[in-house]
Amino acid sequence: MTTLRVFSMVAVLGLMVVAPAWSAGHVAPLVIPSAAFHNDGDDPEGFWFHPDGYLEGEGAGVKMIAAVYLPSYATVESFTLYAVDGTDSCPIPSVNAWLYRVEISNGDVSMMALTATSGASSAMQERVDSSIAYPVVSNLQYRYFVRVDFCASTHDFYSIAIDYSE
């Protein structure tokens, strides 16, 4: 019986030492997959969904948008783009992503974060913006969305991750 208590205490203490970062006010990041995005209507045929789960461009610049649902009073800490940028030779040379908020009462739009791929590469790029403007979420006053622009068939957009704490 004493051995069981000692083992239990060691196990509990071990869990306390390796507790994940989100246990101290952080939560797992909000991940918005490419499938959650839709075209803004300017070029409805300028992209396509690849069977492997990402979006590709068709040669002209395309704008994709998705709603963002974060808890009120959460603090946005970082905004991350996951994409492959296989070319610099199209009207939109990089895969670009923005986080916006829209004021409900008057429609004013404010940019909170911006990130983009960095040069042509066939490797996955993880581009992070940690300098968030207006980081505290207020769902009573604002609505939030993400915009992603890309162009070429070698621009592969996978997802957005928003790290926040409550």
N, C-alpha and C. Protein backbone atom coordinates (compact mmCIF):
# COMPACT_ATOMS: atom_id res chain seq x y z
N MET A 1 0.81 -1.19 0.00
CA MET A 1 0.00 0.00 0.00
C MET A 1 0.86 1.26 0.00
N THR A 2 1.93 1.26 0.82
CA THR A 2 2.83 2.40 0.88
C THR A 2 3.53 2.58 -0.46
N THR A 3 3.90 1.50 -1.10
CA THR A 3 4.56 1.56 -2.40
C THR A 3 3.63 2.21 -3.42
N LEU A 4 2.35 1.86 -3.38
CA LEU A 4 1.38 2.43 -4.30
C LEU A 4 1.24 3.93 -4.09
N ARG A 5 1.22 4.39 -2.83
CA ARG A 5 1.12 5.82 -2.54
C ARG A 5 2.37 6.57 -3.02
N VAL A 6 3.52 6.00 -2.80
CA VAL A 6 4.77 6.63 -3.24
C VAL A 6 4.78 6.71 -4.77
N PHE A 7 4.40 5.62 -5.43
CA PHE A 7 4.36 5.62 -6.89
C PHE A 7 3.37 6.66 -7.40
N SER A 8 2.21 6.76 -6.76
CA SER A 8 1.20 7.74 -7.17
C SER A 8 1.72 9.16 -7.01
N MET A 9 2.41 9.43 -5.90
CA MET A 9 2.95 10.77 -5.69
C MET A 9 4.02 11.10 -6.71
N VAL A 10 4.87 10.15 -7.02
CA VAL A 10 5.91 10.37 -8.03
C VAL A 10 5.27 10.62 -9.39
N ALA A 11 4.25 9.86 -9.73
CA ALA A 11 3.57 10.03 -11.02
C ALA A 11 2.92 11.41 -11.10
N VAL A 12 2.24 11.84 -10.05
CA VAL A 12 1.60 13.16 -10.04
C VAL A 12 2.65 14.26 -10.14
N LEU A 13 3.71 14.16 -9.38
CA LEU A 13 4.77 15.17 -9.45
C LEU A 13 5.41 15.19 -10.83
N GLY A 14 5.57 14.04 -11.44
CA GLY A 14 6.13 13.97 -12.79
C GLY A 14 5.24 14.67 -13.79
N LEU A 15 3.92 14.52 -13.66
CA LEU A 15 2.99 15.20 -14.56
C LEU A 15 3.05 16.71 -14.37
N MET A 16 3.25 17.15 -13.13
CA MET A 16 3.33 18.58 -12.87
C MET A 16 4.56 19.19 -13.53
N VAL A 17 5.64 18.45 -13.61
CA VAL A 17 6.87 18.95 -14.21
C VAL A 17 6.74 19.08 -15.72
N VAL A 18 6.05 18.16 -16.37
CA VAL A 18 5.96 18.17 -17.83
C VAL A 18 4.60 18.67 -18.32
N ALA A 19 3.91 19.48 -17.54
CA ALA A 19 2.61 20.01 -17.95
C ALA A 19 2.78 20.85 -19.21
N PRO A 20 1.86 20.75 -20.13
CA PRO A 20 1.96 21.52 -21.38
C PRO A 20 1.82 23.02 -21.13
N ALA A 21 2.33 23.81 -22.07
CA ALA A 21 2.31 25.27 -21.92
C ALA A 21 0.89 25.80 -21.79
N TRP A 22 -0.07 25.19 -22.45
CA TRP A 22 -1.44 25.72 -22.40
C TRP A 22 -2.08 25.55 -21.03
N SER A 23 -1.49 24.76 -20.15
CA SER A 23 -2.08 24.57 -18.83
C SER A 23 -1.94 25.81 -17.96
N ALA A 24 -1.06 26.71 -18.29
CA ALA A 24 -0.83 27.92 -17.50
C ALA A 24 -1.45 29.13 -18.19
N GLY A 25 -2.72 29.03 -18.61
CA GLY A 25 -3.40 30.14 -19.26
C GLY A 25 -3.40 30.07 -20.77
N HIS A 26 -2.49 29.29 -21.33
CA HIS A 26 -2.47 29.10 -22.78
C HIS A 26 -3.40 27.96 -23.14
N VAL A 27 -3.92 28.03 -24.34
CA VAL A 27 -4.73 26.94 -24.86
C VAL A 27 -4.09 26.47 -26.15
N ALA A 28 -4.50 25.32 -26.63
CA ALA A 28 -4.00 24.87 -27.92
C ALA A 28 -4.36 25.93 -28.96
N PRO A 29 -3.53 26.16 -29.97
CA PRO A 29 -3.84 27.21 -30.94
C PRO A 29 -5.10 26.90 -31.73
N LEU A 30 -5.77 27.95 -32.16
CA LEU A 30 -6.89 27.82 -33.07
C LEU A 30 -6.29 27.58 -34.46
N VAL A 31 -6.61 26.46 -35.07
CA VAL A 31 -6.11 26.14 -36.40
C VAL A 31 -7.26 26.26 -37.40
N ILE A 32 -7.04 27.04 -38.44
CA ILE A 32 -8.04 27.22 -39.49
C ILE A 32 -7.47 26.56 -40.75
N PRO A 33 -7.99 25.39 -41.13
CA PRO A 33 -7.46 24.68 -42.29
C PRO A 33 -7.88 25.36 -43.59
N SER A 34 -7.17 25.09 -44.65
CA SER A 34 -7.48 25.71 -45.94
C SER A 34 -8.91 25.42 -46.38
N ALA A 35 -9.46 24.29 -46.01
CA ALA A 35 -10.83 23.93 -46.41
C ALA A 35 -11.88 24.88 -45.82
N ALA A 36 -11.54 25.64 -44.77
CA ALA A 36 -12.47 26.57 -44.16
C ALA A 36 -12.54 27.90 -44.91
N PHE A 37 -11.66 28.10 -45.87
CA PHE A 37 -11.60 29.37 -46.60
C PHE A 37 -12.49 29.34 -47.84
N HIS A 38 -13.00 30.51 -48.19
CA HIS A 38 -13.75 30.65 -49.44
C HIS A 38 -13.27 31.89 -50.18
N ASN A 39 -13.53 31.91 -51.46
CA ASN A 39 -13.08 32.98 -52.33
C ASN A 39 -13.90 34.24 -52.07
N ASP A 40 -13.27 35.40 -52.24
CA ASP A 40 -13.99 36.66 -52.03
C ASP A 40 -14.89 37.02 -53.20
N GLY A 41 -14.86 36.25 -54.28
CA GLY A 41 -15.74 36.48 -55.42
C GLY A 41 -15.09 37.16 -56.60
N ASP A 42 -13.89 37.75 -56.42
CA ASP A 42 -13.22 38.44 -57.53
C ASP A 42 -12.79 37.48 -58.63
N ASP A 43 -12.25 36.34 -58.28
CA ASP A 43 -11.79 35.36 -59.26
C ASP A 43 -12.20 33.96 -58.78
N PRO A 44 -13.48 33.61 -58.96
CA PRO A 44 -13.98 32.35 -58.39
C PRO A 44 -13.32 31.10 -58.97
N GLU A 45 -12.61 31.23 -60.09
CA GLU A 45 -11.95 30.06 -60.64
C GLU A 45 -10.43 30.18 -60.57
N GLY A 46 -9.93 31.07 -59.72
CA GLY A 46 -8.50 31.31 -59.62
C GLY A 46 -7.79 30.38 -58.65
N PHE A 47 -8.49 29.38 -58.13
CA PHE A 47 -7.88 28.47 -57.16
C PHE A 47 -8.58 27.12 -57.28
N TRP A 48 -7.97 26.13 -56.65
CA TRP A 48 -8.64 24.84 -56.51
C TRP A 48 -8.15 24.12 -55.28
N PHE A 49 -9.02 23.25 -54.75
CA PHE A 49 -8.67 22.45 -53.58
C PHE A 49 -7.94 21.20 -54.06
N HIS A 50 -6.74 21.01 -53.59
CA HIS A 50 -5.97 19.82 -53.93
C HIS A 50 -6.48 18.64 -53.09
N PRO A 51 -6.52 17.42 -53.66
CA PRO A 51 -6.98 16.26 -52.89
C PRO A 51 -6.17 15.99 -51.61
N ASP A 52 -4.95 16.53 -51.53
CA ASP A 52 -4.13 16.33 -50.33
C ASP A 52 -4.43 17.34 -49.23
N GLY A 53 -5.45 18.20 -49.42
CA GLY A 53 -5.90 19.06 -48.34
C GLY A 53 -5.37 20.47 -48.32
N TYR A 54 -4.95 21.01 -49.43
CA TYR A 54 -4.49 22.39 -49.45
C TYR A 54 -5.08 23.10 -50.66
N LEU A 55 -4.93 24.43 -50.69
CA LEU A 55 -5.39 25.25 -51.80
C LEU A 55 -4.23 25.60 -52.70
N GLU A 56 -4.48 25.62 -54.00
CA GLU A 56 -3.48 26.05 -55.00
C GLU A 56 -4.07 27.16 -55.84
N GLY A 57 -3.19 28.04 -56.33
CA GLY A 57 -3.61 29.10 -57.24
C GLY A 57 -3.64 28.60 -58.68
N GLU A 58 -4.27 29.42 -59.54
CA GLU A 58 -4.37 29.07 -60.96
C GLU A 58 -3.66 30.09 -61.85
N GLY A 59 -2.85 30.97 -61.29
CA GLY A 59 -2.08 31.90 -62.11
C GLY A 59 -2.40 33.36 -61.88
N ALA A 60 -3.64 33.68 -61.56
CA ALA A 60 -4.00 35.06 -61.25
C ALA A 60 -4.12 35.18 -59.73
N GLY A 61 -4.00 36.38 -59.22
CA GLY A 61 -4.10 36.57 -57.79
C GLY A 61 -5.49 36.21 -57.27
N VAL A 62 -5.53 35.50 -56.17
CA VAL A 62 -6.81 35.11 -55.58
C VAL A 62 -6.80 35.46 -54.10
N LYS A 63 -7.96 35.91 -53.60
CA LYS A 63 -8.12 36.26 -52.19
C LYS A 63 -9.07 35.25 -51.57
N MET A 64 -8.63 34.63 -50.48
CA MET A 64 -9.46 33.68 -49.74
C MET A 64 -9.69 34.25 -48.34
N ILE A 65 -10.90 34.05 -47.80
CA ILE A 65 -11.22 34.55 -46.47
C ILE A 65 -11.89 33.48 -45.63
N ALA A 66 -11.73 33.59 -44.32
CA ALA A 66 -12.37 32.68 -43.37
C ALA A 66 -12.66 33.43 -42.08
N ALA A 67 -13.78 33.10 -41.47
CA ALA A 67 -14.12 33.69 -40.18
C ALA A 67 -13.22 33.12 -39.09
N VAL A 68 -13.01 33.91 -38.05
CA VAL A 68 -12.20 33.49 -36.91
C VAL A 68 -13.08 33.59 -35.67
N TYR A 69 -13.13 32.51 -34.90
CA TYR A 69 -13.94 32.47 -33.69
C TYR A 69 -13.03 32.25 -32.49
N LEU A 70 -12.73 33.32 -31.78
CA LEU A 70 -11.90 33.28 -30.57
C LEU A 70 -12.77 33.67 -29.38
N PRO A 71 -12.45 33.18 -28.19
CA PRO A 71 -13.24 33.56 -27.01
C PRO A 71 -13.03 35.02 -26.64
N SER A 72 -14.10 35.66 -26.18
CA SER A 72 -13.99 37.04 -25.71
C SER A 72 -12.95 37.14 -24.61
N TYR A 73 -12.23 38.23 -24.65
CA TYR A 73 -11.19 38.58 -23.67
C TYR A 73 -9.93 37.72 -23.78
N ALA A 74 -9.87 36.84 -24.78
CA ALA A 74 -8.62 36.11 -25.03
C ALA A 74 -7.60 37.12 -25.56
N THR A 75 -6.33 36.81 -25.39
CA THR A 75 -5.26 37.65 -25.91
C THR A 75 -4.54 36.89 -27.02
N VAL A 76 -4.57 37.44 -28.23
CA VAL A 76 -3.89 36.83 -29.37
C VAL A 76 -2.39 37.06 -29.20
N GLU A 77 -1.62 35.98 -29.27
CA GLU A 77 -0.18 36.07 -29.04
C GLU A 77 0.63 35.91 -30.32
N SER A 78 0.13 35.10 -31.27
CA SER A 78 0.85 34.96 -32.53
C SER A 78 -0.11 34.50 -33.62
N PHE A 79 0.31 34.76 -34.84
CA PHE A 79 -0.47 34.46 -36.04
C PHE A 79 0.49 33.76 -37.00
N THR A 80 0.18 32.50 -37.37
CA THR A 80 1.12 31.69 -38.15
C THR A 80 0.50 31.21 -39.44
N LEU A 81 1.24 31.33 -40.53
CA LEU A 81 0.86 30.85 -41.85
C LEU A 81 1.67 29.61 -42.18
N TYR A 82 1.01 28.57 -42.68
CA TYR A 82 1.69 27.36 -43.17
C TYR A 82 1.42 27.25 -44.66
N ALA A 83 2.48 27.39 -45.47
CA ALA A 83 2.32 27.40 -46.92
C ALA A 83 3.62 27.00 -47.60
N VAL A 84 3.48 26.60 -48.85
CA VAL A 84 4.63 26.37 -49.73
C VAL A 84 4.59 27.45 -50.80
N ASP A 85 5.73 28.09 -51.01
CA ASP A 85 5.84 29.17 -51.99
C ASP A 85 6.83 28.72 -53.06
N GLY A 86 6.32 28.09 -54.10
CA GLY A 86 7.20 27.51 -55.11
C GLY A 86 7.64 28.46 -56.20
N THR A 87 7.24 29.74 -56.16
CA THR A 87 7.64 30.66 -57.22
C THR A 87 7.57 32.10 -56.73
N ASP A 88 8.40 32.94 -57.34
CA ASP A 88 8.33 34.38 -57.12
C ASP A 88 7.85 35.09 -58.38
N SER A 89 7.48 34.31 -59.41
CA SER A 89 7.18 34.91 -60.71
C SER A 89 5.69 34.87 -61.03
N CYS A 90 4.89 35.53 -60.23
CA CYS A 90 3.48 35.73 -60.56
C CYS A 90 3.05 37.05 -59.93
N PRO A 91 1.86 37.55 -60.24
CA PRO A 91 1.44 38.86 -59.73
C PRO A 91 1.51 38.98 -58.20
N ILE A 92 1.30 37.89 -57.49
CA ILE A 92 1.45 37.88 -56.03
C ILE A 92 2.65 36.97 -55.75
N PRO A 93 3.85 37.55 -55.55
CA PRO A 93 5.05 36.72 -55.46
C PRO A 93 5.12 35.84 -54.22
N SER A 94 4.37 36.16 -53.16
CA SER A 94 4.41 35.37 -51.93
C SER A 94 3.00 34.94 -51.58
N VAL A 95 2.90 33.96 -50.68
CA VAL A 95 1.62 33.65 -50.05
C VAL A 95 1.52 34.60 -48.86
N ASN A 96 0.48 35.41 -48.83
CA ASN A 96 0.31 36.45 -47.82
C ASN A 96 -0.89 36.13 -46.95
N ALA A 97 -0.82 36.46 -45.65
CA ALA A 97 -1.94 36.23 -44.75
C ALA A 97 -2.08 37.40 -43.78
N TRP A 98 -3.33 37.80 -43.52
CA TRP A 98 -3.65 38.89 -42.60
C TRP A 98 -4.71 38.42 -41.61
N LEU A 99 -4.63 38.94 -40.40
CA LEU A 99 -5.69 38.78 -39.41
C LEU A 99 -6.32 40.16 -39.23
N TYR A 100 -7.66 40.23 -39.38
CA TYR A 100 -8.38 41.49 -39.28
C TYR A 100 -9.47 41.40 -38.22
N ARG A 101 -9.85 42.59 -37.74
CA ARG A 101 -11.07 42.71 -36.95
C ARG A 101 -11.95 43.78 -37.60
N VAL A 102 -13.26 43.59 -37.51
CA VAL A 102 -14.22 44.52 -38.10
C VAL A 102 -15.13 45.02 -36.99
N GLU A 103 -15.20 46.33 -36.84
CA GLU A 103 -16.07 46.89 -35.81
C GLU A 103 -17.52 46.71 -36.23
N ILE A 104 -18.31 46.14 -35.34
CA ILE A 104 -19.71 45.82 -35.65
C ILE A 104 -20.53 47.07 -35.92
N SER A 105 -20.32 48.13 -35.14
CA SER A 105 -21.18 49.31 -35.23
C SER A 105 -21.00 50.13 -36.50
N ASN A 106 -19.78 50.13 -37.08
CA ASN A 106 -19.56 50.99 -38.24
C ASN A 106 -18.82 50.32 -39.40
N GLY A 107 -18.39 49.07 -39.24
CA GLY A 107 -17.72 48.36 -40.33
C GLY A 107 -16.26 48.70 -40.53
N ASP A 108 -15.68 49.51 -39.64
CA ASP A 108 -14.26 49.85 -39.76
C ASP A 108 -13.42 48.58 -39.62
N VAL A 109 -12.44 48.43 -40.49
CA VAL A 109 -11.57 47.25 -40.50
C VAL A 109 -10.19 47.65 -39.98
N SER A 110 -9.64 46.84 -39.07
CA SER A 110 -8.30 47.08 -38.53
C SER A 110 -7.47 45.82 -38.71
N MET A 111 -6.25 45.99 -39.23
CA MET A 111 -5.35 44.85 -39.36
C MET A 111 -4.70 44.56 -38.01
N MET A 112 -4.72 43.30 -37.61
CA MET A 112 -4.12 42.89 -36.35
C MET A 112 -2.75 42.25 -36.56
N ALA A 113 -2.59 41.50 -37.67
CA ALA A 113 -1.33 40.80 -37.92
C ALA A 113 -1.18 40.56 -39.41
N LEU A 114 0.07 40.40 -39.84
CA LEU A 114 0.40 40.14 -41.25
C LEU A 114 1.63 39.27 -41.30
N THR A 115 1.59 38.26 -42.15
CA THR A 115 2.78 37.46 -42.40
C THR A 115 2.75 36.96 -43.84
N ALA A 116 3.88 36.56 -44.35
CA ALA A 116 3.98 36.10 -45.74
C ALA A 116 5.15 35.14 -45.88
N THR A 117 5.08 34.31 -46.92
CA THR A 117 6.21 33.42 -47.20
C THR A 117 7.40 34.27 -47.60
N SER A 118 8.58 33.65 -47.53
CA SER A 118 9.82 34.36 -47.76
C SER A 118 10.61 33.68 -48.86
N GLY A 119 10.38 34.09 -50.10
CA GLY A 119 11.14 33.54 -51.21
C GLY A 119 10.66 32.19 -51.67
N ALA A 120 10.97 31.87 -52.91
CA ALA A 120 10.52 30.62 -53.52
C ALA A 120 11.26 29.43 -52.92
N SER A 121 10.48 28.42 -52.53
CA SER A 121 11.03 27.19 -51.97
C SER A 121 9.96 26.11 -52.07
N SER A 122 10.37 24.89 -52.30
CA SER A 122 9.40 23.80 -52.35
C SER A 122 9.14 23.22 -50.96
N ALA A 123 9.77 23.79 -49.94
CA ALA A 123 9.60 23.32 -48.57
C ALA A 123 8.45 24.09 -47.88
N MET A 124 7.84 23.45 -46.92
CA MET A 124 6.81 24.10 -46.11
C MET A 124 7.43 25.26 -45.34
N GLN A 125 6.78 26.42 -45.39
CA GLN A 125 7.22 27.57 -44.63
C GLN A 125 6.24 27.83 -43.49
N GLU A 126 6.76 28.06 -42.33
CA GLU A 126 5.99 28.41 -41.15
C GLU A 126 6.36 29.85 -40.82
N ARG A 127 5.50 30.79 -41.18
CA ARG A 127 5.80 32.21 -41.02
C ARG A 127 4.93 32.78 -39.90
N VAL A 128 5.56 33.38 -38.91
CA VAL A 128 4.88 33.82 -37.69
C VAL A 128 4.97 35.33 -37.53
N ASP A 129 3.85 35.94 -37.12
CA ASP A 129 3.83 37.34 -36.69
C ASP A 129 3.42 37.33 -35.22
N SER A 130 4.31 37.79 -34.36
CA SER A 130 4.03 37.84 -32.92
C SER A 130 3.78 39.26 -32.42
N SER A 131 3.84 40.23 -33.31
CA SER A 131 3.58 41.62 -32.93
C SER A 131 2.13 41.95 -33.31
N ILE A 132 1.22 41.58 -32.44
CA ILE A 132 -0.21 41.68 -32.73
C ILE A 132 -0.73 43.05 -32.30
N ALA A 133 -1.37 43.75 -33.23
CA ALA A 133 -2.06 44.99 -32.90
C ALA A 133 -3.45 44.62 -32.36
N TYR A 134 -3.92 45.31 -31.37
CA TYR A 134 -5.24 45.05 -30.78
C TYR A 134 -5.37 43.59 -30.36
N PRO A 135 -4.52 43.08 -29.48
CA PRO A 135 -4.48 41.65 -29.20
C PRO A 135 -5.65 41.10 -28.38
N VAL A 136 -6.36 41.95 -27.63
CA VAL A 136 -7.45 41.44 -26.78
C VAL A 136 -8.73 41.34 -27.60
N VAL A 137 -9.34 40.17 -27.59
CA VAL A 137 -10.55 39.88 -28.38
C VAL A 137 -11.77 40.45 -27.67
N SER A 138 -12.61 41.16 -28.41
CA SER A 138 -13.88 41.69 -27.90
C SER A 138 -14.98 41.33 -28.88
N ASN A 139 -15.65 40.21 -28.63
CA ASN A 139 -16.71 39.76 -29.54
C ASN A 139 -17.97 40.62 -29.45
N LEU A 140 -18.09 41.45 -28.42
CA LEU A 140 -19.23 42.35 -28.33
C LEU A 140 -19.07 43.54 -29.27
N GLN A 141 -17.83 43.89 -29.57
CA GLN A 141 -17.56 45.06 -30.39
C GLN A 141 -17.05 44.73 -31.79
N TYR A 142 -16.41 43.54 -31.98
CA TYR A 142 -15.76 43.22 -33.25
C TYR A 142 -16.10 41.82 -33.73
N ARG A 143 -15.92 41.61 -35.02
CA ARG A 143 -15.90 40.28 -35.64
C ARG A 143 -14.51 40.14 -36.26
N TYR A 144 -14.03 38.89 -36.40
CA TYR A 144 -12.65 38.64 -36.81
C TYR A 144 -12.62 37.74 -38.03
N PHE A 145 -11.65 37.98 -38.92
CA PHE A 145 -11.48 37.11 -40.08
C PHE A 145 -10.03 37.11 -40.53
N VAL A 146 -9.70 36.09 -41.34
CA VAL A 146 -8.37 35.94 -41.94
C VAL A 146 -8.51 36.05 -43.44
N ARG A 147 -7.55 36.71 -44.07
CA ARG A 147 -7.47 36.77 -45.53
C ARG A 147 -6.14 36.19 -45.95
N VAL A 148 -6.16 35.36 -46.99
CA VAL A 148 -4.94 34.78 -47.55
C VAL A 148 -4.96 35.03 -49.05
N ASP A 149 -3.86 35.59 -49.59
CA ASP A 149 -3.71 35.81 -51.03
C ASP A 149 -2.60 34.91 -51.56
N PHE A 150 -2.81 34.34 -52.73
CA PHE A 150 -1.78 33.56 -53.41
C PHE A 150 -2.09 33.55 -54.89
N CYS A 151 -1.24 32.90 -55.68
CA CYS A 151 -1.35 33.07 -57.12
C CYS A 151 -1.14 31.77 -57.90
N ALA A 152 0.04 31.22 -57.83
CA ALA A 152 0.47 30.17 -58.75
C ALA A 152 0.09 28.77 -58.28
N SER A 153 0.17 27.83 -59.18
CA SER A 153 -0.09 26.42 -58.82
C SER A 153 0.99 25.89 -57.88
N THR A 154 2.09 26.60 -57.76
CA THR A 154 3.13 26.21 -56.81
C THR A 154 3.03 27.00 -55.50
N HIS A 155 1.96 27.77 -55.35
CA HIS A 155 1.61 28.39 -54.07
C HIS A 155 0.61 27.46 -53.41
N ASP A 156 1.04 26.74 -52.40
CA ASP A 156 0.17 25.80 -51.70
C ASP A 156 -0.12 26.34 -50.31
N PHE A 157 -1.39 26.65 -50.04
CA PHE A 157 -1.80 27.17 -48.74
C PHE A 157 -2.43 26.05 -47.92
N TYR A 158 -1.86 25.79 -46.73
CA TYR A 158 -2.31 24.69 -45.88
C TYR A 158 -3.21 25.15 -44.73
N SER A 159 -2.73 26.09 -43.91
CA SER A 159 -3.53 26.48 -42.75
C SER A 159 -2.98 27.75 -42.10
N ILE A 160 -3.80 28.25 -41.17
CA ILE A 160 -3.45 29.37 -40.30
C ILE A 160 -3.57 28.85 -38.86
N ALA A 161 -2.67 29.24 -38.00
CA ALA A 161 -2.78 28.93 -36.58
C ALA A 161 -2.71 30.23 -35.80
N ILE A 162 -3.62 30.40 -34.85
CA ILE A 162 -3.65 31.57 -34.00
C ILE A 162 -3.45 31.13 -32.57
N ASP A 163 -2.32 31.51 -31.99
CA ASP A 163 -2.02 31.17 -30.61
C ASP A 163 -2.58 32.26 -29.71
N TYR A 164 -3.29 31.88 -28.67
CA TYR A 164 -3.88 32.85 -27.77
C TYR A 164 -3.91 32.31 -26.34
N SER A 165 -4.10 33.20 -25.40
CA SER A 165 -4.25 32.80 -24.00
C SER A 165 -5.55 33.38 -23.47
N GLU A 166 -6.05 32.75 -22.43
CA GLU A 166 -7.30 33.22 -21.82
C GLU A 166 -7.04 33.68 -20.40
